[in-house]
């Protein structure tokens, strides 16, 4: 009976984590870029290419059109998610971005599992762009000194993995025990158009802003246009560790970041 109850709690915890991750989303529309008819048609033709390319390779950076109406697009799934979750996420992103930014030729949309962006007349590939959004857990940690020391060391380690290990494709993830009963989980990822130096720069900016937007919080998610940084006090990256959830789910607030 105890084994059955534990299995049920584990399954329930994984379901809640999956639902929570898919619910976190944001979009950004550059209101200084008004769309014209040719650009709009090019975007409509570009989006299916971004979806299919992302599903096949986990990442794509491509363009369509000519001259001032040429549209550049980039899409990427988080490196640890499976192909099914990637497909569902990028399909949703491609559908929602036009609804969120119907009149702008420069638009971005973020989910926890994927990111999609397009811009007309601007080849942004390879540029570090920290336009984005922060989500932070409203609850504070109990021992900020120890927690921040552990967090800093873990972020250094996984950032190095993302930047220096070619096979990681810009992804780094790991965990660290804060205490006997508390384990810290973290993940970073750069878009795959960035060089190693640019990837390191983007991650450093995101991590350095923890104290500004997520100081002493139990969880933080940085969704930039060029990189993704996240930490939690529960397992969230795949493969997921089994754990028993508490009676209350974490609650998050959102803060939009000023882009570069």
C-alpha atoms as a PDB file:
ATOM      1  CA  UNK A   1       0.000   0.000   0.000  1.00  0.00           C
ATOM      2  CA  UNK A   2       2.852   2.395   0.862  1.00  0.00           C
ATOM      3  CA  UNK A   3       4.572   1.610  -2.451  1.00  0.00           C
ATOM      4  CA  UNK A   4       1.316   2.271  -4.307  1.00  0.00           C
ATOM      5  CA  UNK A   5       0.830   5.604  -2.520  1.00  0.00           C
ATOM      6  CA  UNK A   6       4.409   6.652  -3.250  1.00  0.00           C
ATOM      7  CA  UNK A   7       4.019   5.770  -6.941  1.00  0.00           C
ATOM      8  CA  UNK A   8       0.821   7.797  -7.101  1.00  0.00           C
ATOM      9  CA  UNK A   9       2.500  10.824  -5.531  1.00  0.00           C
ATOM     10  CA  UNK A  10       5.416  10.598  -7.934  1.00  0.00           C
ATOM     11  CA  UNK A  11       3.105  10.406 -10.961  1.00  0.00           C
ATOM     12  CA  UNK A  12       1.054  13.313  -9.630  1.00  0.00           C
ATOM     13  CA  UNK A  13       4.172  15.382  -9.069  1.00  0.00           C
ATOM     14  CA  UNK A  14       5.374  14.787 -12.634  1.00  0.00           C
ATOM     15  CA  UNK A  15       1.959  15.757 -13.998  1.00  0.00           C
ATOM     16  CA  UNK A  16       1.938  18.995 -12.025  1.00  0.00           C
ATOM     17  CA  UNK A  17       5.463  19.860 -13.161  1.00  0.00           C
ATOM     18  CA  UNK A  18       4.539  19.270 -16.805  1.00  0.00           C
ATOM     19  CA  UNK A  19       1.384  21.361 -16.535  1.00  0.00           C
ATOM     20  CA  UNK A  20       3.209  24.124 -14.699  1.00  0.00           C
ATOM     21  CA  UNK A  21       6.004  24.291 -17.283  1.00  0.00           C
ATOM     22  CA  UNK A  22       3.614  24.523 -20.217  1.00  0.00           C
ATOM     23  CA  UNK A  23       1.657  27.341 -18.551  1.00  0.00           C
ATOM     24  CA  UNK A  24       4.648  29.674 -18.220  1.00  0.00           C
ATOM     25  CA  UNK A  25       4.794  31.869 -21.308  1.00  0.00           C
ATOM     26  CA  UNK A  26       5.373  35.440 -22.454  1.00  0.00           C
ATOM     27  CA  UNK A  27       5.589  37.435 -25.653  1.00  0.00           C
ATOM     28  CA  UNK A  28       7.244  40.678 -26.727  1.00  0.00           C
ATOM     29  CA  UNK A  29       6.146  42.833 -29.667  1.00  0.00           C
ATOM     30  CA  UNK A  30       8.318  45.674 -30.948  1.00  0.00           C
ATOM     31  CA  UNK A  31       5.737  48.415 -31.518  1.00  0.00           C
ATOM     32  CA  UNK A  32       8.265  50.454 -33.502  1.00  0.00           C
ATOM     33  CA  UNK A  33       8.107  47.852 -36.299  1.00  0.00           C
ATOM     34  CA  UNK A  34       4.806  48.043 -38.163  1.00  0.00           C
ATOM     35  CA  UNK A  35       4.178  45.177 -40.537  1.00  0.00           C
ATOM     36  CA  UNK A  36       3.320  45.529 -44.234  1.00  0.00           C
ATOM     37  CA  UNK A  37       1.499  43.097 -46.487  1.00  0.00           C
ATOM     38  CA  UNK A  38       4.594  41.479 -48.022  1.00  0.00           C
ATOM     39  CA  UNK A  39       6.219  41.027 -44.625  1.00  0.00           C
ATOM     40  CA  UNK A  40       3.039  39.507 -43.254  1.00  0.00           C
ATOM     41  CA  UNK A  41       2.909  36.960 -46.085  1.00  0.00           C
ATOM     42  CA  UNK A  42       6.568  36.143 -45.580  1.00  0.00           C
ATOM     43  CA  UNK A  43       5.991  35.576 -41.868  1.00  0.00           C
ATOM     44  CA  UNK A  44       3.095  33.254 -42.651  1.00  0.00           C
ATOM     45  CA  UNK A  45       5.364  31.268 -44.963  1.00  0.00           C
ATOM     46  CA  UNK A  46       8.266  31.350 -42.517  1.00  0.00           C
ATOM     47  CA  UNK A  47       6.447  29.950 -39.496  1.00  0.00           C
ATOM     48  CA  UNK A  48       5.887  26.431 -40.929  1.00  0.00           C
ATOM     49  CA  UNK A  49       9.601  26.287 -41.816  1.00  0.00           C
ATOM     50  CA  UNK A  50      10.496  27.213 -38.239  1.00  0.00           C
ATOM     51  CA  UNK A  51       8.185  24.534 -36.867  1.00  0.00           C
ATOM     52  CA  UNK A  52       9.434  21.737 -39.135  1.00  0.00           C
ATOM     53  CA  UNK A  53      13.091  22.684 -38.703  1.00  0.00           C
ATOM     54  CA  UNK A  54      12.793  22.781 -34.917  1.00  0.00           C
ATOM     55  CA  UNK A  55      11.039  19.432 -34.788  1.00  0.00           C
ATOM     56  CA  UNK A  56      13.779  17.841 -36.931  1.00  0.00           C
ATOM     57  CA  UNK A  57      16.837  19.406 -35.296  1.00  0.00           C
ATOM     58  CA  UNK A  58      15.730  21.121 -32.090  1.00  0.00           C
ATOM     59  CA  UNK A  59      16.842  24.437 -33.597  1.00  0.00           C
ATOM     60  CA  UNK A  60      16.588  26.436 -36.803  1.00  0.00           C
ATOM     61  CA  UNK A  61      17.678  29.882 -38.000  1.00  0.00           C
ATOM     62  CA  UNK A  62      16.499  30.781 -41.487  1.00  0.00           C
ATOM     63  CA  UNK A  63      14.949  33.519 -43.623  1.00  0.00           C
ATOM     64  CA  UNK A  64      12.456  34.096 -46.410  1.00  0.00           C
ATOM     65  CA  UNK A  65      11.813  36.947 -48.836  1.00  0.00           C
ATOM     66  CA  UNK A  66      13.904  39.751 -50.343  1.00  0.00           C
ATOM     67  CA  UNK A  67      15.007  43.291 -49.566  1.00  0.00           C
ATOM     68  CA  UNK A  68      13.207  45.195 -46.819  1.00  0.00           C
ATOM     69  CA  UNK A  69      10.484  42.551 -46.775  1.00  0.00           C
ATOM     70  CA  UNK A  70      12.899  39.730 -45.960  1.00  0.00           C
ATOM     71  CA  UNK A  71      12.047  38.097 -42.653  1.00  0.00           C
ATOM     72  CA  UNK A  72      14.540  36.294 -40.424  1.00  0.00           C
ATOM     73  CA  UNK A  73      13.361  33.646 -38.014  1.00  0.00           C
ATOM     74  CA  UNK A  74      14.784  31.506 -35.223  1.00  0.00           C
ATOM     75  CA  UNK A  75      13.244  28.770 -33.123  1.00  0.00           C
ATOM     76  CA  UNK A  76      14.599  26.358 -30.564  1.00  0.00           C
ATOM     77  CA  UNK A  77      13.396  23.780 -28.083  1.00  0.00           C
ATOM     78  CA  UNK A  78      14.958  23.254 -24.690  1.00  0.00           C
ATOM     79  CA  UNK A  79      17.649  20.650 -25.141  1.00  0.00           C
ATOM     80  CA  UNK A  80      16.406  18.223 -22.496  1.00  0.00           C
ATOM     81  CA  UNK A  81      12.786  17.878 -23.687  1.00  0.00           C
ATOM     82  CA  UNK A  82      11.661  14.998 -25.873  1.00  0.00           C
ATOM     83  CA  UNK A  83      10.493  15.312 -29.476  1.00  0.00           C
ATOM     84  CA  UNK A  84       6.822  15.116 -28.538  1.00  0.00           C
ATOM     85  CA  UNK A  85       7.046  17.997 -26.048  1.00  0.00           C
ATOM     86  CA  UNK A  86       9.157  19.974 -28.521  1.00  0.00           C
ATOM     87  CA  UNK A  87       6.550  19.472 -31.241  1.00  0.00           C
ATOM     88  CA  UNK A  88       3.656  20.523 -29.009  1.00  0.00           C
ATOM     89  CA  UNK A  89       5.501  23.593 -27.744  1.00  0.00           C
ATOM     90  CA  UNK A  90       6.763  24.943 -31.062  1.00  0.00           C
ATOM     91  CA  UNK A  91       3.385  24.345 -32.734  1.00  0.00           C
ATOM     92  CA  UNK A  92       1.735  26.384 -29.997  1.00  0.00           C
ATOM     93  CA  UNK A  93       4.379  29.117 -30.243  1.00  0.00           C
ATOM     94  CA  UNK A  94       3.961  29.453 -34.012  1.00  0.00           C
ATOM     95  CA  UNK A  95       0.197  29.709 -33.623  1.00  0.00           C
ATOM     96  CA  UNK A  96       0.198  32.191 -30.768  1.00  0.00           C
ATOM     97  CA  UNK A  97       2.918  34.621 -31.887  1.00  0.00           C
ATOM     98  CA  UNK A  98       0.756  36.120 -34.645  1.00  0.00           C
ATOM     99  CA  UNK A  99      -2.121  36.474 -32.197  1.00  0.00           C
ATOM    100  CA  UNK A 100       0.138  38.171 -29.663  1.00  0.00           C
ATOM    101  CA  UNK A 101       1.889  40.459 -32.187  1.00  0.00           C
ATOM    102  CA  UNK A 102      -0.467  40.870 -35.164  1.00  0.00           C
ATOM    103  CA  UNK A 103       0.835  44.256 -36.362  1.00  0.00           C
ATOM    104  CA  UNK A 104       4.563  44.069 -35.603  1.00  0.00           C
ATOM    105  CA  UNK A 105       7.364  42.719 -37.795  1.00  0.00           C
ATOM    106  CA  UNK A 106       9.640  42.056 -34.804  1.00  0.00           C
ATOM    107  CA  UNK A 107       8.185  39.560 -32.335  1.00  0.00           C
ATOM    108  CA  UNK A 108       9.230  36.953 -29.774  1.00  0.00           C
ATOM    109  CA  UNK A 109       7.397  34.318 -27.790  1.00  0.00           C
ATOM    110  CA  UNK A 110       8.707  32.216 -24.909  1.00  0.00           C
ATOM    111  CA  UNK A 111       7.604  29.015 -23.264  1.00  0.00           C
ATOM    112  CA  UNK A 112       9.581  26.914 -20.820  1.00  0.00           C
ATOM    113  CA  UNK A 113      10.099  24.259 -23.467  1.00  0.00           C
ATOM    114  CA  UNK A 114      10.711  26.426 -26.551  1.00  0.00           C
ATOM    115  CA  UNK A 115      11.320  29.879 -28.016  1.00  0.00           C
ATOM    116  CA  UNK A 116      10.416  31.457 -31.366  1.00  0.00           C
ATOM    117  CA  UNK A 117      11.357  34.796 -32.872  1.00  0.00           C
ATOM    118  CA  UNK A 118      11.155  36.633 -36.201  1.00  0.00           C
ATOM    119  CA  UNK A 119      12.177  40.071 -37.428  1.00  0.00           C
ATOM    120  CA  UNK A 120      11.906  41.813 -40.804  1.00  0.00           C
ATOM    121  CA  UNK A 121      14.917  43.577 -42.365  1.00  0.00           C
ATOM    122  CA  UNK A 122      17.182  42.632 -39.458  1.00  0.00           C
ATOM    123  CA  UNK A 123      19.465  39.606 -39.482  1.00  0.00           C
ATOM    124  CA  UNK A 124      19.817  39.093 -35.745  1.00  0.00           C
ATOM    125  CA  UNK A 125      21.556  35.709 -35.880  1.00  0.00           C
ATOM    126  CA  UNK A 126      24.606  35.580 -33.633  1.00  0.00           C
ATOM    127  CA  UNK A 127      23.699  38.716 -31.678  1.00  0.00           C
ATOM    128  CA  UNK A 128      23.348  38.644 -27.902  1.00  0.00           C
ATOM    129  CA  UNK A 129      19.829  39.860 -27.139  1.00  0.00           C
ATOM    130  CA  UNK A 130      18.653  40.097 -23.530  1.00  0.00           C
ATOM    131  CA  UNK A 131      15.143  41.218 -24.356  1.00  0.00           C
ATOM    132  CA  UNK A 132      13.035  38.921 -22.234  1.00  0.00           C
ATOM    133  CA  UNK A 133      11.177  38.167 -19.052  1.00  0.00           C
ATOM    134  CA  UNK A 134      11.874  36.937 -15.505  1.00  0.00           C
ATOM    135  CA  UNK A 135       9.607  34.685 -13.487  1.00  0.00           C
ATOM    136  CA  UNK A 136      10.394  34.390  -9.786  1.00  0.00           C
ATOM    137  CA  UNK A 137       8.976  32.248  -7.008  1.00  0.00           C
ATOM    138  CA  UNK A 138       7.269  34.533  -4.467  1.00  0.00           C
ATOM    139  CA  UNK A 139       8.704  32.523  -1.532  1.00  0.00           C
ATOM    140  CA  UNK A 140      12.151  33.220  -0.063  1.00  0.00           C
ATOM    141  CA  UNK A 141      14.809  30.675   0.912  1.00  0.00           C
ATOM    142  CA  UNK A 142      15.457  30.177   4.621  1.00  0.00           C
ATOM    143  CA  UNK A 143      19.261  30.543   4.555  1.00  0.00           C
ATOM    144  CA  UNK A 144      20.229  33.056   1.813  1.00  0.00           C
ATOM    145  CA  UNK A 145      23.960  32.940   2.526  1.00  0.00           C
ATOM    146  CA  UNK A 146      24.365  29.204   2.058  1.00  0.00           C
ATOM    147  CA  UNK A 147      21.823  29.100  -0.756  1.00  0.00           C
ATOM    148  CA  UNK A 148      23.476  31.832  -2.849  1.00  0.00           C
ATOM    149  CA  UNK A 149      26.909  30.258  -2.421  1.00  0.00           C
ATOM    150  CA  UNK A 150      25.599  26.917  -3.670  1.00  0.00           C
ATOM    151  CA  UNK A 151      23.656  28.620  -6.472  1.00  0.00           C
ATOM    152  CA  UNK A 152      26.687  30.557  -7.683  1.00  0.00           C
ATOM    153  CA  UNK A 153      28.889  27.453  -7.780  1.00  0.00           C
ATOM    154  CA  UNK A 154      26.246  25.418  -9.608  1.00  0.00           C
ATOM    155  CA  UNK A 155      25.628  28.151 -12.179  1.00  0.00           C
ATOM    156  CA  UNK A 156      29.362  28.457 -12.840  1.00  0.00           C
ATOM    157  CA  UNK A 157      29.600  24.715 -13.423  1.00  0.00           C
ATOM    158  CA  UNK A 158      26.655  24.322 -15.784  1.00  0.00           C
ATOM    159  CA  UNK A 159      27.463  27.548 -17.670  1.00  0.00           C
ATOM    160  CA  UNK A 160      30.919  26.158 -18.375  1.00  0.00           C
ATOM    161  CA  UNK A 161      29.299  22.961 -19.648  1.00  0.00           C
ATOM    162  CA  UNK A 162      27.030  24.950 -21.980  1.00  0.00           C
ATOM    163  CA  UNK A 163      29.864  27.071 -23.353  1.00  0.00           C
ATOM    164  CA  UNK A 164      32.837  24.682 -23.469  1.00  0.00           C
ATOM    165  CA  UNK A 165      31.285  21.308 -24.313  1.00  0.00           C
ATOM    166  CA  UNK A 166      30.398  21.153 -28.045  1.00  0.00           C
ATOM    167  CA  UNK A 167      28.199  18.085 -27.652  1.00  0.00           C
ATOM    168  CA  UNK A 168      25.958  19.963 -25.204  1.00  0.00           C
ATOM    169  CA  UNK A 169      24.759  22.299 -28.008  1.00  0.00           C
ATOM    170  CA  UNK A 170      24.587  25.220 -25.588  1.00  0.00           C
ATOM    171  CA  UNK A 171      22.852  23.278 -22.802  1.00  0.00           C
ATOM    172  CA  UNK A 172      24.074  22.863 -19.229  1.00  0.00           C
ATOM    173  CA  UNK A 173      22.198  21.335 -16.294  1.00  0.00           C
ATOM    174  CA  UNK A 174      22.938  20.035 -12.838  1.00  0.00           C
ATOM    175  CA  UNK A 175      22.033  19.807  -9.170  1.00  0.00           C
ATOM    176  CA  UNK A 176      23.572  20.552  -5.795  1.00  0.00           C
ATOM    177  CA  UNK A 177      22.607  19.714  -2.221  1.00  0.00           C
ATOM    178  CA  UNK A 178      21.984  22.898  -0.233  1.00  0.00           C
ATOM    179  CA  UNK A 179      21.345  20.926   2.955  1.00  0.00           C
ATOM    180  CA  UNK A 180      20.434  17.416   4.029  1.00  0.00           C
ATOM    181  CA  UNK A 181      16.822  17.975   2.954  1.00  0.00           C
ATOM    182  CA  UNK A 182      17.087  20.623   0.213  1.00  0.00           C
ATOM    183  CA  UNK A 183      18.403  20.039  -3.294  1.00  0.00           C
ATOM    184  CA  UNK A 184      18.939  22.773  -5.887  1.00  0.00           C
ATOM    185  CA  UNK A 185      18.349  22.150  -9.594  1.00  0.00           C
ATOM    186  CA  UNK A 186      19.487  24.443 -12.418  1.00  0.00           C
ATOM    187  CA  UNK A 187      19.573  24.587 -16.201  1.00  0.00           C
ATOM    188  CA  UNK A 188      21.012  27.028 -18.734  1.00  0.00           C
ATOM    189  CA  UNK A 189      20.829  27.071 -22.517  1.00  0.00           C
ATOM    190  CA  UNK A 190      21.899  29.431 -25.295  1.00  0.00           C
ATOM    191  CA  UNK A 191      20.357  29.650 -28.737  1.00  0.00           C
ATOM    192  CA  UNK A 192      22.579  27.679 -31.058  1.00  0.00           C
ATOM    193  CA  UNK A 193      23.366  30.615 -33.375  1.00  0.00           C
ATOM    194  CA  UNK A 194      25.607  32.146 -30.676  1.00  0.00           C
ATOM    195  CA  UNK A 195      29.362  31.735 -30.506  1.00  0.00           C
ATOM    196  CA  UNK A 196      30.881  30.380 -27.289  1.00  0.00           C
ATOM    197  CA  UNK A 197      31.871  33.893 -26.211  1.00  0.00           C
ATOM    198  CA  UNK A 198      28.409  35.287 -26.922  1.00  0.00           C
ATOM    199  CA  UNK A 199      26.780  32.381 -25.107  1.00  0.00           C
ATOM    200  CA  UNK A 200      28.941  33.016 -22.048  1.00  0.00           C
ATOM    201  CA  UNK A 201      28.045  36.717 -22.177  1.00  0.00           C
ATOM    202  CA  UNK A 202      24.304  36.068 -22.332  1.00  0.00           C
ATOM    203  CA  UNK A 203      24.372  33.575 -19.467  1.00  0.00           C
ATOM    204  CA  UNK A 204      26.514  35.890 -17.348  1.00  0.00           C
ATOM    205  CA  UNK A 205      24.019  38.738 -17.800  1.00  0.00           C
ATOM    206  CA  UNK A 206      21.105  36.540 -16.816  1.00  0.00           C
ATOM    207  CA  UNK A 207      22.824  35.090 -13.759  1.00  0.00           C
ATOM    208  CA  UNK A 208      24.125  38.485 -12.615  1.00  0.00           C
ATOM    209  CA  UNK A 209      20.543  39.770 -12.596  1.00  0.00           C
ATOM    210  CA  UNK A 210      19.375  37.111 -10.122  1.00  0.00           C
ATOM    211  CA  UNK A 211      19.984  39.504  -7.237  1.00  0.00           C
ATOM    212  CA  UNK A 212      17.994  42.240  -8.983  1.00  0.00           C
ATOM    213  CA  UNK A 213      14.904  40.264  -9.989  1.00  0.00           C
ATOM    214  CA  UNK A 214      15.050  37.018  -8.004  1.00  0.00           C
ATOM    215  CA  UNK A 215      17.088  37.818  -4.907  1.00  0.00           C
ATOM    216  CA  UNK A 216      16.860  35.019  -2.303  1.00  0.00           C
ATOM    217  CA  UNK A 217      13.880  33.443  -4.078  1.00  0.00           C
ATOM    218  CA  UNK A 218      13.230  29.714  -4.142  1.00  0.00           C
ATOM    219  CA  UNK A 219      13.022  29.707  -7.923  1.00  0.00           C
ATOM    220  CA  UNK A 220      13.824  31.921 -10.908  1.00  0.00           C
ATOM    221  CA  UNK A 221      13.434  31.664 -14.682  1.00  0.00           C
ATOM    222  CA  UNK A 222      15.220  33.983 -17.089  1.00  0.00           C
ATOM    223  CA  UNK A 223      13.780  33.810 -20.599  1.00  0.00           C
ATOM    224  CA  UNK A 224      15.998  35.938 -22.871  1.00  0.00           C
ATOM    225  CA  UNK A 225      15.950  36.085 -26.659  1.00  0.00           C
ATOM    226  CA  UNK A 226      19.431  34.529 -26.723  1.00  0.00           C
ATOM    227  CA  UNK A 227      19.541  32.294 -23.650  1.00  0.00           C
ATOM    228  CA  UNK A 228      17.537  30.599 -20.906  1.00  0.00           C
ATOM    229  CA  UNK A 229      18.516  30.336 -17.231  1.00  0.00           C
ATOM    230  CA  UNK A 230      16.512  28.646 -14.493  1.00  0.00           C
ATOM    231  CA  UNK A 231      16.870  27.253 -10.986  1.00  0.00           C
ATOM    232  CA  UNK A 232      14.369  25.573  -8.655  1.00  0.00           C
ATOM    233  CA  UNK A 233      14.254  23.655  -5.391  1.00  0.00           C
ATOM    234  CA  UNK A 234      12.521  20.769  -7.146  1.00  0.00           C
ATOM    235  CA  UNK A 235      13.461  18.707 -10.226  1.00  0.00           C
ATOM    236  CA  UNK A 236      12.226  20.289 -13.466  1.00  0.00           C
ATOM    237  CA  UNK A 237      14.617  19.158 -16.197  1.00  0.00           C
ATOM    238  CA  UNK A 238      14.571  15.797 -17.896  1.00  0.00           C
ATOM    239  CA  UNK A 239      15.020  13.044 -16.981  1.00  0.00           C
ATOM    240  CA  UNK A 240      13.019  14.033 -13.922  1.00  0.00           C
ATOM    241  CA  UNK A 241      13.957  12.722 -10.502  1.00  0.00           C
ATOM    242  CA  UNK A 242      11.156  11.197  -8.457  1.00  0.00           C
ATOM    243  CA  UNK A 243      10.048  13.221  -5.475  1.00  0.00           C
ATOM    244  CA  UNK A 244       7.008  13.789  -3.279  1.00  0.00           C
ATOM    245  CA  UNK A 245       5.302  17.135  -3.779  1.00  0.00           C
ATOM    246  CA  UNK A 246       4.232  19.436  -0.993  1.00  0.00           C
ATOM    247  CA  UNK A 247       0.612  20.413  -0.467  1.00  0.00           C
ATOM    248  CA  UNK A 248       1.050  23.779  -2.174  1.00  0.00           C
ATOM    249  CA  UNK A 249       2.421  24.447  -5.654  1.00  0.00           C
ATOM    250  CA  UNK A 250       4.963  27.268  -6.096  1.00  0.00           C
ATOM    251  CA  UNK A 251       3.582  30.621  -7.240  1.00  0.00           C
ATOM    252  CA  UNK A 252       5.421  32.916  -9.613  1.00  0.00           C
ATOM    253  CA  UNK A 253       5.441  36.600 -10.482  1.00  0.00           C
ATOM    254  CA  UNK A 254       6.614  37.991 -13.813  1.00  0.00           C
ATOM    255  CA  UNK A 255       8.932  40.927 -14.534  1.00  0.00           C
ATOM    256  CA  UNK A 256       9.700  42.116 -18.069  1.00  0.00           C
ATOM    257  CA  UNK A 257      13.378  42.866 -18.679  1.00  0.00           C
ATOM    258  CA  UNK A 258      14.668  45.781 -20.724  1.00  0.00           C
ATOM    259  CA  UNK A 259      16.413  44.523 -23.842  1.00  0.00           C
ATOM    260  CA  UNK A 260      19.764  45.570 -25.195  1.00  0.00           C
END
